[in-house]
Amino acid sequence: MPPLEEGNLWIRATLPQDISFDTSVSMADKLRAVIAQSPEVTQTVSQMGRPDDGTDVSTFNNIEISAALKPADEWRKNLSKPELIKEMSDRLAQFPGSI
């Protein structure tokens, strides 16, 4: 099977299990803001906790973020997807243990 490339990123943060709901909401906002700093990102959407269909038993310490990206030909010159991911990872390192 060829690798699946849908032109976006799916990012999962696992926070401490004893985190409060309000702190998790605040963290989701911060993570989305850091991801959105990349000019290649057009939109970020997050979900906390389990999926709507109930197939995953995670609590609100699990945050999943979808980052929609511009078409690659509109990115900064010579930037590859692995380089973009590295840039984001470096910025997200300010939240130890979350990513």
PDB file of N, CA and C in Angstrom:
ATOM      1  N   MET A   1       0.836  -1.182   0.000  1.00  0.00           N
ATOM      2  CA  MET A   1       0.000   0.000   0.000  1.00  0.00           C
ATOM      3  C   MET A   1       0.881   1.245   0.000  1.00  0.00           C
ATOM      4  N   PRO A   2       0.566   2.188  -0.860  1.00  0.00           N
ATOM      5  CA  PRO A   2       1.315   3.451  -0.829  1.00  0.00           C
ATOM      6  C   PRO A   2       0.934   4.243   0.422  1.00  0.00           C
ATOM      7  N   PRO A   3       1.829   5.121   0.872  1.00  0.00           N
ATOM      8  CA  PRO A   3       1.488   5.931   2.045  1.00  0.00           C
ATOM      9  C   PRO A   3       0.297   6.841   1.748  1.00  0.00           C
ATOM     10  N   LEU A   4      -0.541   7.026   2.736  1.00  0.00           N
ATOM     11  CA  LEU A   4      -1.705   7.892   2.599  1.00  0.00           C
ATOM     12  C   LEU A   4      -1.290   9.339   2.837  1.00  0.00           C
ATOM     13  N   GLU A   5      -1.566  10.189   1.890  1.00  0.00           N
ATOM     14  CA  GLU A   5      -1.240  11.620   2.021  1.00  0.00           C
ATOM     15  C   GLU A   5      -2.488  12.419   1.687  1.00  0.00           C
ATOM     16  N   GLU A   6      -3.126  12.939   2.737  1.00  0.00           N
ATOM     17  CA  GLU A   6      -4.347  13.707   2.542  1.00  0.00           C
ATOM     18  C   GLU A   6      -4.126  15.215   2.633  1.00  0.00           C
ATOM     19  N   GLY A   7      -2.860  15.625   2.784  1.00  0.00           N
ATOM     20  CA  GLY A   7      -2.573  17.053   2.808  1.00  0.00           C
ATOM     21  C   GLY A   7      -2.879  17.736   4.122  1.00  0.00           C
ATOM     22  N   ASN A   8      -2.824  16.991   5.218  1.00  0.00           N
ATOM     23  CA  ASN A   8      -3.055  17.603   6.524  1.00  0.00           C
ATOM     24  C   ASN A   8      -2.238  16.864   7.577  1.00  0.00           C
ATOM     25  N   LEU A   9      -2.348  17.300   8.800  1.00  0.00           N
ATOM     26  CA  LEU A   9      -1.662  16.645   9.910  1.00  0.00           C
ATOM     27  C   LEU A   9      -2.677  16.282  10.980  1.00  0.00           C
ATOM     28  N   TRP A  10      -2.458  15.154  11.631  1.00  0.00           N
ATOM     29  CA  TRP A  10      -3.273  14.730  12.762  1.00  0.00           C
ATOM     30  C   TRP A  10      -2.334  14.615  13.941  1.00  0.00           C
ATOM     31  N   ILE A  11      -2.546  15.427  14.948  1.00  0.00           N
ATOM     32  CA  ILE A  11      -1.624  15.536  16.084  1.00  0.00           C
ATOM     33  C   ILE A  11      -2.364  15.123  17.353  1.00  0.00           C
ATOM     34  N   ARG A  12      -1.730  14.270  18.134  1.00  0.00           N
ATOM     35  CA  ARG A  12      -2.356  13.806  19.375  1.00  0.00           C
ATOM     36  C   ARG A  12      -1.488  14.188  20.567  1.00  0.00           C
ATOM     37  N   ALA A  13      -2.112  14.808  21.551  1.00  0.00           N
ATOM     38  CA  ALA A  13      -1.435  15.150  22.800  1.00  0.00           C
ATOM     39  C   ALA A  13      -2.085  14.345  23.916  1.00  0.00           C
ATOM     40  N   THR A  14      -1.262  13.703  24.716  1.00  0.00           N
ATOM     41  CA  THR A  14      -1.760  12.961  25.864  1.00  0.00           C
ATOM     42  C   THR A  14      -1.250  13.656  27.126  1.00  0.00           C
ATOM     43  N   LEU A  15      -2.164  14.239  27.852  1.00  0.00           N
ATOM     44  CA  LEU A  15      -1.850  14.982  29.063  1.00  0.00           C
ATOM     45  C   LEU A  15      -1.964  14.055  30.275  1.00  0.00           C
ATOM     46  N   PRO A  16      -1.492  14.504  31.444  1.00  0.00           N
ATOM     47  CA  PRO A  16      -1.635  13.666  32.645  1.00  0.00           C
ATOM     48  C   PRO A  16      -3.108  13.294  32.888  1.00  0.00           C
ATOM     49  N   GLN A  17      -3.342  12.082  33.349  1.00  0.00           N
ATOM     50  CA  GLN A  17      -4.722  11.617  33.534  1.00  0.00           C
ATOM     51  C   GLN A  17      -5.499  12.405  34.577  1.00  0.00           C
ATOM     52  N   ASP A  18      -4.796  13.028  35.504  1.00  0.00           N
ATOM     53  CA  ASP A  18      -5.497  13.763  36.553  1.00  0.00           C
ATOM     54  C   ASP A  18      -5.690  15.242  36.224  1.00  0.00           C
ATOM     55  N   ILE A  19      -5.484  15.610  34.967  1.00  0.00           N
ATOM     56  CA  ILE A  19      -5.648  17.005  34.564  1.00  0.00           C
ATOM     57  C   ILE A  19      -7.126  17.404  34.662  1.00  0.00           C
ATOM     58  N   SER A  20      -7.379  18.637  35.028  1.00  0.00           N
ATOM     59  CA  SER A  20      -8.768  19.101  35.107  1.00  0.00           C
ATOM     60  C   SER A  20      -9.298  19.396  33.708  1.00  0.00           C
ATOM     61  N   PHE A  21     -10.612  19.380  33.599  1.00  0.00           N
ATOM     62  CA  PHE A  21     -11.251  19.679  32.324  1.00  0.00           C
ATOM     63  C   PHE A  21     -10.866  21.077  31.842  1.00  0.00           C
ATOM     64  N   ASP A  22     -10.939  22.065  32.731  1.00  0.00           N
ATOM     65  CA  ASP A  22     -10.625  23.451  32.355  1.00  0.00           C
ATOM     66  C   ASP A  22      -9.181  23.603  31.891  1.00  0.00           C
ATOM     67  N   THR A  23      -8.256  22.907  32.553  1.00  0.00           N
ATOM     68  CA  THR A  23      -6.848  22.972  32.157  1.00  0.00           C
ATOM     69  C   THR A  23      -6.653  22.315  30.798  1.00  0.00           C
ATOM     70  N   SER A  24      -7.366  21.233  30.549  1.00  0.00           N
ATOM     71  CA  SER A  24      -7.268  20.565  29.260  1.00  0.00           C
ATOM     72  C   SER A  24      -7.801  21.456  28.133  1.00  0.00           C
ATOM     73  N   VAL A  25      -8.901  22.151  28.390  1.00  0.00           N
ATOM     74  CA  VAL A  25      -9.456  23.095  27.403  1.00  0.00           C
ATOM     75  C   VAL A  25      -8.433  24.183  27.095  1.00  0.00           C
ATOM     76  N   SER A  26      -7.837  24.721  28.134  1.00  0.00           N
ATOM     77  CA  SER A  26      -6.828  25.767  27.956  1.00  0.00           C
ATOM     78  C   SER A  26      -5.627  25.245  27.165  1.00  0.00           C
ATOM     79  N   MET A  27      -5.206  24.036  27.464  1.00  0.00           N
ATOM     80  CA  MET A  27      -4.074  23.437  26.753  1.00  0.00           C
ATOM     81  C   MET A  27      -4.416  23.222  25.280  1.00  0.00           C
ATOM     82  N   ALA A  28      -5.619  22.778  24.986  1.00  0.00           N
ATOM     83  CA  ALA A  28      -6.032  22.586  23.587  1.00  0.00           C
ATOM     84  C   ALA A  28      -5.952  23.911  22.826  1.00  0.00           C
ATOM     85  N   ASP A  29      -6.404  24.989  23.453  1.00  0.00           N
ATOM     86  CA  ASP A  29      -6.334  26.314  22.823  1.00  0.00           C
ATOM     87  C   ASP A  29      -4.876  26.696  22.532  1.00  0.00           C
ATOM     88  N   LYS A  30      -4.006  26.467  23.523  1.00  0.00           N
ATOM     89  CA  LYS A  30      -2.593  26.817  23.357  1.00  0.00           C
ATOM     90  C   LYS A  30      -1.941  25.983  22.257  1.00  0.00           C
ATOM     91  N   LEU A  31      -2.215  24.698  22.235  1.00  0.00           N
ATOM     92  CA  LEU A  31      -1.627  23.823  21.216  1.00  0.00           C
ATOM     93  C   LEU A  31      -2.073  24.241  19.817  1.00  0.00           C
ATOM     94  N   ARG A  32      -3.369  24.512  19.658  1.00  0.00           N
ATOM     95  CA  ARG A  32      -3.871  24.957  18.351  1.00  0.00           C
ATOM     96  C   ARG A  32      -3.204  26.251  17.916  1.00  0.00           C
ATOM     97  N   ALA A  33      -3.015  27.178  18.841  1.00  0.00           N
ATOM     98  CA  ALA A  33      -2.388  28.469  18.517  1.00  0.00           C
ATOM     99  C   ALA A  33      -0.942  28.276  18.063  1.00  0.00           C
ATOM    100  N   VAL A  34      -0.209  27.405  18.723  1.00  0.00           N
ATOM    101  CA  VAL A  34       1.189  27.150  18.346  1.00  0.00           C
ATOM    102  C   VAL A  34       1.252  26.491  16.968  1.00  0.00           C
ATOM    103  N   ILE A  35       0.383  25.553  16.710  1.00  0.00           N
ATOM    104  CA  ILE A  35       0.354  24.879  15.404  1.00  0.00           C
ATOM    105  C   ILE A  35      -0.013  25.872  14.305  1.00  0.00           C
ATOM    106  N   ALA A  36      -0.954  26.752  14.593  1.00  0.00           N
ATOM    107  CA  ALA A  36      -1.420  27.730  13.595  1.00  0.00           C
ATOM    108  C   ALA A  36      -0.380  28.795  13.266  1.00  0.00           C
ATOM    109  N   GLN A  37       0.716  28.864  14.021  1.00  0.00           N
ATOM    110  CA  GLN A  37       1.772  29.833  13.714  1.00  0.00           C
ATOM    111  C   GLN A  37       2.457  29.542  12.385  1.00  0.00           C
ATOM    112  N   SER A  38       2.379  28.317  11.926  1.00  0.00           N
ATOM    113  CA  SER A  38       2.984  27.979  10.630  1.00  0.00           C
ATOM    114  C   SER A  38       2.108  28.530   9.517  1.00  0.00           C
ATOM    115  N   PRO A  39       2.680  29.298   8.593  1.00  0.00           N
ATOM    116  CA  PRO A  39       1.869  29.887   7.526  1.00  0.00           C
ATOM    117  C   PRO A  39       1.261  28.845   6.587  1.00  0.00           C
ATOM    118  N   GLU A  40       1.746  27.622   6.648  1.00  0.00           N
ATOM    119  CA  GLU A  40       1.204  26.555   5.800  1.00  0.00           C
ATOM    120  C   GLU A  40      -0.123  26.009   6.333  1.00  0.00           C
ATOM    121  N   VAL A  41      -0.443  26.319   7.585  1.00  0.00           N
ATOM    122  CA  VAL A  41      -1.656  25.820   8.219  1.00  0.00           C
ATOM    123  C   VAL A  41      -2.817  26.761   7.897  1.00  0.00           C
ATOM    124  N   THR A  42      -3.911  26.200   7.414  1.00  0.00           N
ATOM    125  CA  THR A  42      -5.095  27.013   7.093  1.00  0.00           C
ATOM    126  C   THR A  42      -6.144  26.952   8.195  1.00  0.00           C
ATOM    127  N   GLN A  43      -6.157  25.865   8.974  1.00  0.00           N
ATOM    128  CA  GLN A  43      -7.187  25.704   9.994  1.00  0.00           C
ATOM    129  C   GLN A  43      -6.737  24.639  10.995  1.00  0.00           C
ATOM    130  N   THR A  44      -7.102  24.836  12.258  1.00  0.00           N
ATOM    131  CA  THR A  44      -6.884  23.809  13.267  1.00  0.00           C
ATOM    132  C   THR A  44      -8.203  23.532  13.974  1.00  0.00           C
ATOM    133  N   VAL A  45      -8.444  22.271  14.239  1.00  0.00           N
ATOM    134  CA  VAL A  45      -9.650  21.847  14.948  1.00  0.00           C
ATOM    135  C   VAL A  45      -9.214  20.810  15.962  1.00  0.00           C
ATOM    136  N   SER A  46      -9.733  20.919  17.181  1.00  0.00           N
ATOM    137  CA  SER A  46      -9.345  19.940  18.196  1.00  0.00           C
ATOM    138  C   SER A  46     -10.567  19.249  18.783  1.00  0.00           C
ATOM    139  N   GLN A  47     -10.295  18.068  19.310  1.00  0.00           N
ATOM    140  CA  GLN A  47     -11.310  17.308  20.031  1.00  0.00           C
ATOM    141  C   GLN A  47     -10.661  16.765  21.286  1.00  0.00           C
ATOM    142  N   MET A  48     -11.364  16.891  22.387  1.00  0.00           N
ATOM    143  CA  MET A  48     -10.864  16.351  23.653  1.00  0.00           C
ATOM    144  C   MET A  48     -11.662  15.103  23.995  1.00  0.00           C
ATOM    145  N   GLY A  49     -10.968  14.132  24.575  1.00  0.00           N
ATOM    146  CA  GLY A  49     -11.653  12.937  25.046  1.00  0.00           C
ATOM    147  C   GLY A  49     -11.920  11.932  23.955  1.00  0.00           C
ATOM    148  N   ARG A  50     -12.902  11.105  24.196  1.00  0.00           N
ATOM    149  CA  ARG A  50     -13.194  10.006  23.273  1.00  0.00           C
ATOM    150  C   ARG A  50     -13.948  10.492  22.044  1.00  0.00           C
ATOM    151  N   PRO A  51     -13.882   9.721  20.962  1.00  0.00           N
ATOM    152  CA  PRO A  51     -14.643  10.103  19.770  1.00  0.00           C
ATOM    153  C   PRO A  51     -16.146   9.979  20.023  1.00  0.00           C
ATOM    154  N   ASP A  52     -16.918  10.624  19.189  1.00  0.00           N
ATOM    155  CA  ASP A  52     -18.370  10.620  19.349  1.00  0.00           C
ATOM    156  C   ASP A  52     -18.985   9.225  19.289  1.00  0.00           C
ATOM    157  N   ASP A  53     -18.353   8.325  18.564  1.00  0.00           N
ATOM    158  CA  ASP A  53     -18.923   6.980  18.435  1.00  0.00           C
ATOM    159  C   ASP A  53     -18.582   6.077  19.620  1.00  0.00           C
ATOM    160  N   GLY A  54     -17.797   6.584  20.570  1.00  0.00           N
ATOM    161  CA  GLY A  54     -17.508   5.835  21.786  1.00  0.00           C
ATOM    162  C   GLY A  54     -16.568   4.655  21.616  1.00  0.00           C
ATOM    163  N   THR A  55     -15.830   4.600  20.509  1.00  0.00           N
ATOM    164  CA  THR A  55     -14.950   3.450  20.264  1.00  0.00           C
ATOM    165  C   THR A  55     -13.629   3.536  21.007  1.00  0.00           C
ATOM    166  N   ASP A  56     -13.316   4.672  21.586  1.00  0.00           N
ATOM    167  CA  ASP A  56     -12.066   4.853  22.320  1.00  0.00           C
ATOM    168  C   ASP A  56     -12.438   5.373  23.709  1.00  0.00           C
ATOM    169  N   VAL A  57     -11.885   4.759  24.726  1.00  0.00           N
ATOM    170  CA  VAL A  57     -12.299   5.099  26.088  1.00  0.00           C
ATOM    171  C   VAL A  57     -11.474   6.214  26.723  1.00  0.00           C
ATOM    172  N   SER A  58     -10.773   7.014  25.929  1.00  0.00           N
ATOM    173  CA  SER A  58      -9.949   8.069  26.525  1.00  0.00           C
ATOM    174  C   SER A  58     -10.814   9.156  27.159  1.00  0.00           C
ATOM    175  N   THR A  59     -10.192   9.825  28.115  1.00  0.00           N
ATOM    176  CA  THR A  59     -10.869  10.929  28.804  1.00  0.00           C
ATOM    177  C   THR A  59     -10.366  12.245  28.225  1.00  0.00           C
ATOM    178  N   PHE A  60     -10.744  13.362  28.852  1.00  0.00           N
ATOM    179  CA  PHE A  60     -10.360  14.662  28.284  1.00  0.00           C
ATOM    180  C   PHE A  60      -8.887  14.985  28.459  1.00  0.00           C
ATOM    181  N   ASN A  61      -8.085  14.029  28.946  1.00  0.00           N
ATOM    182  CA  ASN A  61      -6.634  14.241  28.933  1.00  0.00           C
ATOM    183  C   ASN A  61      -6.061  13.933  27.547  1.00  0.00           C
ATOM    184  N   ASN A  62      -6.881  13.400  26.667  1.00  0.00           N
ATOM    185  CA  ASN A  62      -6.475  13.128  25.286  1.00  0.00           C
ATOM    186  C   ASN A  62      -7.003  14.253  24.393  1.00  0.00           C
ATOM    187  N   ILE A  63      -6.086  14.924  23.687  1.00  0.00           N
ATOM    188  CA  ILE A  63      -6.469  15.992  22.764  1.00  0.00           C
ATOM    189  C   ILE A  63      -5.961  15.604  21.379  1.00  0.00           C
ATOM    190  N   GLU A  64      -6.857  15.614  20.414  1.00  0.00           N
ATOM    191  CA  GLU A  64      -6.479  15.353  19.028  1.00  0.00           C
ATOM    192  C   GLU A  64      -6.724  16.622  18.223  1.00  0.00           C
ATOM    193  N   ILE A  65      -5.739  16.975  17.405  1.00  0.00           N
ATOM    194  CA  ILE A  65      -5.814  18.213  16.632  1.00  0.00           C
ATOM    195  C   ILE A  65      -5.617  17.891  15.159  1.00  0.00           C
ATOM    196  N   SER A  66      -6.539  18.351  14.356  1.00  0.00           N
ATOM    197  CA  SER A  66      -6.411  18.254  12.909  1.00  0.00           C
ATOM    198  C   SER A  66      -5.913  19.609  12.409  1.00  0.00           C
ATOM    199  N   ALA A  67      -4.819  19.579  11.651  1.00  0.00           N
ATOM    200  CA  ALA A  67      -4.262  20.802  11.069  1.00  0.00           C
ATOM    201  C   ALA A  67      -4.360  20.689   9.551  1.00  0.00           C
ATOM    202  N   ALA A  68      -5.243  21.473   8.964  1.00  0.00           N
ATOM    203  CA  ALA A  68      -5.375  21.499   7.507  1.00  0.00           C
ATOM    204  C   ALA A  68      -4.244  22.348   6.938  1.00  0.00           C
ATOM    205  N   LEU A  69      -3.670  21.879   5.847  1.00  0.00           N
ATOM    206  CA  LEU A  69      -2.521  22.553   5.237  1.00  0.00           C
ATOM    207  C   LEU A  69      -2.857  23.079   3.848  1.00  0.00           C
ATOM    208  N   LYS A  70      -2.187  24.157   3.472  1.00  0.00           N
ATOM    209  CA  LYS A  70      -2.269  24.663   2.102  1.00  0.00           C
ATOM    210  C   LYS A  70      -1.670  23.619   1.163  1.00  0.00           C
ATOM    211  N   PRO A  71      -1.984  23.700  -0.128  1.00  0.00           N
ATOM    212  CA  PRO A  71      -1.290  22.830  -1.078  1.00  0.00           C
ATOM    213  C   PRO A  71       0.224  23.068  -0.996  1.00  0.00           C
ATOM    214  N   ALA A  72       1.003  22.018  -1.145  1.00  0.00           N
ATOM    215  CA  ALA A  72       2.464  22.095  -0.954  1.00  0.00           C
ATOM    216  C   ALA A  72       3.130  23.144  -1.842  1.00  0.00           C
ATOM    217  N   ASP A  73       2.573  23.412  -3.018  1.00  0.00           N
ATOM    218  CA  ASP A  73       3.201  24.407  -3.896  1.00  0.00           C
ATOM    219  C   ASP A  73       3.000  25.844  -3.391  1.00  0.00           C
ATOM    220  N   GLU A  74       2.216  26.024  -2.324  1.00  0.00           N
ATOM    221  CA  GLU A  74       2.023  27.348  -1.712  1.00  0.00           C
ATOM    222  C   GLU A  74       2.822  27.511  -0.422  1.00  0.00           C
ATOM    223  N   TRP A  75       3.630  26.522  -0.080  1.00  0.00           N
ATOM    224  CA  TRP A  75       4.441  26.582   1.140  1.00  0.00           C
ATOM    225  C   TRP A  75       5.661  27.464   0.920  1.00  0.00           C
ATOM    226  N   ARG A  76       6.329  27.796   2.029  1.00  0.00           N
ATOM    227  CA  ARG A  76       7.588  28.519   1.931  1.00  0.00           C
ATOM    228  C   ARG A  76       8.554  27.730   1.056  1.00  0.00           C
ATOM    229  N   LYS A  77       9.403  28.444   0.362  1.00  0.00           N
ATOM    230  CA  LYS A  77      10.320  27.835  -0.600  1.00  0.00           C
ATOM    231  C   LYS A  77      11.168  26.731   0.052  1.00  0.00           C
ATOM    232  N   ASN A  78      11.230  25.599  -0.617  1.00  0.00           N
ATOM    233  CA  ASN A  78      12.065  24.457  -0.233  1.00  0.00           C
ATOM    234  C   ASN A  78      11.702  23.836   1.118  1.00  0.00           C
ATOM    235  N   LEU A  79      10.496  24.040   1.608  1.00  0.00           N
ATOM    236  CA  LEU A  79      10.078  23.441   2.870  1.00  0.00           C
ATOM    237  C   LEU A  79       9.391  22.106   2.592  1.00  0.00           C
ATOM    238  N   SER A  80       9.887  21.056   3.217  1.00  0.00           N
ATOM    239  CA  SER A  80       9.271  19.736   3.061  1.00  0.00           C
ATOM    240  C   SER A  80       8.316  19.484   4.231  1.00  0.00           C
ATOM    241  N   LYS A  81       7.473  18.490   4.084  1.00  0.00           N
ATOM    242  CA  LYS A  81       6.543  18.168   5.166  1.00  0.00           C
ATOM    243  C   LYS A  81       7.294  17.722   6.425  1.00  0.00           C
ATOM    244  N   PRO A  82       8.340  16.881   6.310  1.00  0.00           N
ATOM    245  CA  PRO A  82       9.095  16.545   7.526  1.00  0.00           C
ATOM    246  C   PRO A  82       9.709  17.772   8.202  1.00  0.00           C
ATOM    247  N   GLU A  83      10.145  18.754   7.422  1.00  0.00           N
ATOM    248  CA  GLU A  83      10.701  19.981   8.010  1.00  0.00           C
ATOM    249  C   GLU A  83       9.605  20.791   8.714  1.00  0.00           C
ATOM    250  N   LEU A  84       8.428  20.837   8.111  1.00  0.00           N
ATOM    251  CA  LEU A  84       7.305  21.531   8.737  1.00  0.00           C
ATOM    252  C   LEU A  84       6.954  20.859  10.064  1.00  0.00           C
ATOM    253  N   ILE A  85       6.893  19.551  10.066  1.00  0.00           N
ATOM    254  CA  ILE A  85       6.590  18.806  11.288  1.00  0.00           C
ATOM    255  C   ILE A  85       7.654  19.066  12.354  1.00  0.00           C
ATOM    256  N   LYS A  86       8.912  19.108  11.949  1.00  0.00           N
ATOM    257  CA  LYS A  86       9.998  19.380  12.894  1.00  0.00           C
ATOM    258  C   LYS A  86       9.850  20.776  13.497  1.00  0.00           C
ATOM    259  N   GLU A  87       9.537  21.769  12.658  1.00  0.00           N
ATOM    260  CA  GLU A  87       9.320  23.136  13.158  1.00  0.00           C
ATOM    261  C   GLU A  87       8.213  23.158  14.214  1.00  0.00           C
ATOM    262  N   MET A  88       7.109  22.498  13.904  1.00  0.00           N
ATOM    263  CA  MET A  88       5.992  22.461  14.843  1.00  0.00           C
ATOM    264  C   MET A  88       6.388  21.738  16.120  1.00  0.00           C
ATOM    265  N   SER A  89       7.065  20.621  15.978  1.00  0.00           N
ATOM    266  CA  SER A  89       7.498  19.844  17.148  1.00  0.00           C
ATOM    267  C   SER A  89       8.406  20.668  18.046  1.00  0.00           C
ATOM    268  N   ASP A  90       9.302  21.418  17.440  1.00  0.00           N
ATOM    269  CA  ASP A  90      10.209  22.267  18.219  1.00  0.00           C
ATOM    270  C   ASP A  90       9.425  23.317  19.015  1.00  0.00           C
ATOM    271  N   ARG A  91       8.414  23.911  18.388  1.00  0.00           N
ATOM    272  CA  ARG A  91       7.602  24.910  19.098  1.00  0.00           C
ATOM    273  C   ARG A  91       6.741  24.259  20.186  1.00  0.00           C
ATOM    274  N   LEU A  92       6.251  23.057  19.908  1.00  0.00           N
ATOM    275  CA  LEU A  92       5.393  22.364  20.876  1.00  0.00           C
ATOM    276  C   LEU A  92       6.191  21.803  22.055  1.00  0.00           C
ATOM    277  N   ALA A  93       7.507  21.795  21.941  1.00  0.00           N
ATOM    278  CA  ALA A  93       8.364  21.295  23.029  1.00  0.00           C
ATOM    279  C   ALA A  93       8.221  22.136  24.290  1.00  0.00           C
ATOM    280  N   GLN A  94       7.637  23.328  24.176  1.00  0.00           N
ATOM    281  CA  GLN A  94       7.434  24.169  25.359  1.00  0.00           C
ATOM    282  C   GLN A  94       6.373  23.579  26.294  1.00  0.00           C
ATOM    283  N   PHE A  95       5.680  22.539  25.830  1.00  0.00           N
ATOM    284  CA  PHE A  95       4.668  21.856  26.618  1.00  0.00           C
ATOM    285  C   PHE A  95       5.158  20.432  26.914  1.00  0.00           C
ATOM    286  N   PRO A  96       6.121  20.260  27.811  1.00  0.00           N
ATOM    287  CA  PRO A  96       6.722  18.950  28.049  1.00  0.00           C
ATOM    288  C   PRO A  96       5.681  17.904  28.427  1.00  0.00           C
ATOM    289  N   GLY A  97       5.829  16.739  27.838  1.00  0.00           N
ATOM    290  CA  GLY A  97       4.950  15.620  28.161  1.00  0.00           C
ATOM    291  C   GLY A  97       3.614  15.634  27.455  1.00  0.00           C
ATOM    292  N   SER A  98       3.308  16.707  26.709  1.00  0.00           N
ATOM    293  CA  SER A  98       1.995  16.766  26.068  1.00  0.00           C
ATOM    294  C   SER A  98       1.995  16.205  24.656  1.00  0.00           C
ATOM    295  N   ILE A  99       3.114  16.275  23.979  1.00  0.00           N
ATOM    296  CA  ILE A  99       3.159  15.799  22.590  1.00  0.00           C
ATOM    297  C   ILE A  99       4.195  14.693  22.489  1.00  0.00           C
TER     298      ILE A  99
END
